[in-house]
Amino acid sequence: MTSVWCLLIAGGTMGTIALIGFLWGVKNGAFENAEDAKYIVFRDEEDD
């Protein structure tokens, strides 16, 4: 039974960290231009 509680706590902690990371990404605009990501391969960048 102790291992079940340890797994529940570990899962809850990891889920909370993932949620905080997601909310931080949304706040900083990491997901604003998701549609443009699939076209980045076709951009021609010249190295100077």
N, C-alpha and C. Protein backbone atom coordinates (compact mmCIF):
# COMPACT_ATOMS: atom_id res chain seq x y z
N MET A 1 0.82 -1.20 0.00
CA MET A 1 0.00 0.00 0.00
C MET A 1 0.86 1.26 0.00
N THR A 2 2.03 1.16 0.58
CA THR A 2 2.93 2.31 0.60
C THR A 2 3.38 2.68 -0.80
N SER A 3 3.63 1.69 -1.63
CA SER A 3 4.07 1.98 -2.99
C SER A 3 2.97 2.65 -3.81
N VAL A 4 1.72 2.34 -3.52
CA VAL A 4 0.62 2.98 -4.22
C VAL A 4 0.59 4.47 -3.91
N TRP A 5 0.77 4.81 -2.65
CA TRP A 5 0.79 6.22 -2.26
C TRP A 5 1.98 6.94 -2.86
N CYS A 6 3.13 6.28 -2.90
CA CYS A 6 4.32 6.89 -3.51
C CYS A 6 4.08 7.15 -5.00
N LEU A 7 3.46 6.21 -5.69
CA LEU A 7 3.17 6.40 -7.11
C LEU A 7 2.14 7.50 -7.34
N LEU A 8 1.14 7.59 -6.47
CA LEU A 8 0.15 8.65 -6.59
C LEU A 8 0.77 10.02 -6.37
N ILE A 9 1.62 10.13 -5.39
CA ILE A 9 2.28 11.40 -5.12
C ILE A 9 3.22 11.77 -6.27
N ALA A 10 3.99 10.79 -6.76
CA ALA A 10 4.90 11.05 -7.87
C ALA A 10 4.13 11.46 -9.12
N GLY A 11 3.04 10.78 -9.41
CA GLY A 11 2.22 11.12 -10.59
C GLY A 11 1.59 12.50 -10.46
N GLY A 12 1.10 12.81 -9.28
CA GLY A 12 0.52 14.13 -9.05
C GLY A 12 1.55 15.23 -9.19
N THR A 13 2.75 14.98 -8.68
CA THR A 13 3.83 15.97 -8.78
C THR A 13 4.24 16.19 -10.22
N MET A 14 4.42 15.12 -10.97
CA MET A 14 4.80 15.26 -12.38
C MET A 14 3.69 15.94 -13.19
N GLY A 15 2.45 15.62 -12.89
CA GLY A 15 1.33 16.26 -13.58
C GLY A 15 1.26 17.75 -13.29
N THR A 16 1.52 18.11 -12.04
CA THR A 16 1.52 19.52 -11.66
C THR A 16 2.66 20.27 -12.35
N ILE A 17 3.82 19.65 -12.42
CA ILE A 17 4.96 20.28 -13.10
C ILE A 17 4.66 20.46 -14.59
N ALA A 18 4.04 19.45 -15.21
CA ALA A 18 3.68 19.56 -16.62
C ALA A 18 2.65 20.66 -16.85
N LEU A 19 1.68 20.78 -15.97
CA LEU A 19 0.66 21.82 -16.08
C LEU A 19 1.27 23.20 -15.93
N ILE A 20 2.17 23.36 -14.97
CA ILE A 20 2.84 24.65 -14.77
C ILE A 20 3.68 25.00 -16.00
N GLY A 21 4.38 24.01 -16.56
CA GLY A 21 5.17 24.25 -17.76
C GLY A 21 4.30 24.64 -18.94
N PHE A 22 3.17 24.00 -19.09
CA PHE A 22 2.24 24.34 -20.18
C PHE A 22 1.70 25.75 -20.02
N LEU A 23 1.28 26.09 -18.81
CA LEU A 23 0.74 27.43 -18.57
C LEU A 23 1.81 28.50 -18.77
N TRP A 24 3.05 28.20 -18.40
CA TRP A 24 4.15 29.13 -18.62
C TRP A 24 4.37 29.34 -20.11
N GLY A 25 4.29 28.27 -20.90
CA GLY A 25 4.45 28.37 -22.35
C GLY A 25 3.33 29.18 -22.98
N VAL A 26 2.12 29.01 -22.52
CA VAL A 26 0.99 29.78 -23.04
C VAL A 26 1.17 31.25 -22.70
N LYS A 27 1.60 31.51 -21.47
CA LYS A 27 1.78 32.90 -21.03
C LYS A 27 2.87 33.61 -21.83
N ASN A 28 3.93 32.89 -22.21
CA ASN A 28 5.04 33.49 -22.94
C ASN A 28 4.86 33.44 -24.45
N GLY A 29 3.74 32.94 -24.94
CA GLY A 29 3.45 32.97 -26.36
C GLY A 29 4.10 31.87 -27.16
N ALA A 30 4.44 30.76 -26.55
CA ALA A 30 5.09 29.67 -27.26
C ALA A 30 4.16 28.98 -28.26
N PHE A 31 2.86 29.11 -28.09
CA PHE A 31 1.90 28.41 -28.94
C PHE A 31 1.11 29.35 -29.84
N GLU A 32 1.54 30.58 -29.96
CA GLU A 32 0.78 31.55 -30.75
C GLU A 32 0.86 31.27 -32.24
N ASN A 33 2.00 30.85 -32.73
CA ASN A 33 2.18 30.67 -34.17
C ASN A 33 2.38 29.20 -34.51
N ALA A 34 1.48 28.36 -34.06
CA ALA A 34 1.61 26.92 -34.28
C ALA A 34 1.39 26.54 -35.74
N GLU A 35 0.61 27.30 -36.46
CA GLU A 35 0.32 26.99 -37.86
C GLU A 35 1.56 27.19 -38.73
N ASP A 36 2.41 28.13 -38.38
CA ASP A 36 3.61 28.43 -39.17
C ASP A 36 4.70 27.37 -39.00
N ALA A 37 4.61 26.55 -37.99
CA ALA A 37 5.66 25.56 -37.70
C ALA A 37 5.81 24.54 -38.82
N LYS A 38 4.74 24.19 -39.49
CA LYS A 38 4.85 23.18 -40.55
C LYS A 38 5.46 23.74 -41.83
N TYR A 39 5.53 25.07 -41.97
CA TYR A 39 6.11 25.66 -43.16
C TYR A 39 7.56 26.09 -42.96
N ILE A 40 8.10 25.93 -41.78
CA ILE A 40 9.46 26.38 -41.49
C ILE A 40 10.49 25.59 -42.30
N VAL A 41 10.15 24.38 -42.71
CA VAL A 41 11.06 23.54 -43.49
C VAL A 41 11.30 24.16 -44.86
N PHE A 42 10.32 24.83 -45.41
CA PHE A 42 10.40 25.36 -46.77
C PHE A 42 11.08 26.71 -46.86
N ARG A 43 11.39 27.33 -45.74
CA ARG A 43 12.04 28.64 -45.77
C ARG A 43 13.49 28.50 -46.23
N ASP A 44 13.89 29.41 -47.05
CA ASP A 44 15.25 29.42 -47.56
C ASP A 44 16.08 30.41 -46.76
N GLU A 45 16.97 29.93 -45.94
CA GLU A 45 17.82 30.80 -45.15
C GLU A 45 19.23 30.73 -45.68
N GLU A 46 19.74 31.87 -46.03
CA GLU A 46 21.11 31.93 -46.55
C GLU A 46 22.07 32.21 -45.42
N ASP A 47 23.14 31.43 -45.34
CA ASP A 47 24.17 31.68 -44.34
C ASP A 47 25.13 32.74 -44.85
N ASP A 48 25.31 33.80 -44.11
CA ASP A 48 26.22 34.87 -44.53
C ASP A 48 27.56 34.73 -43.84
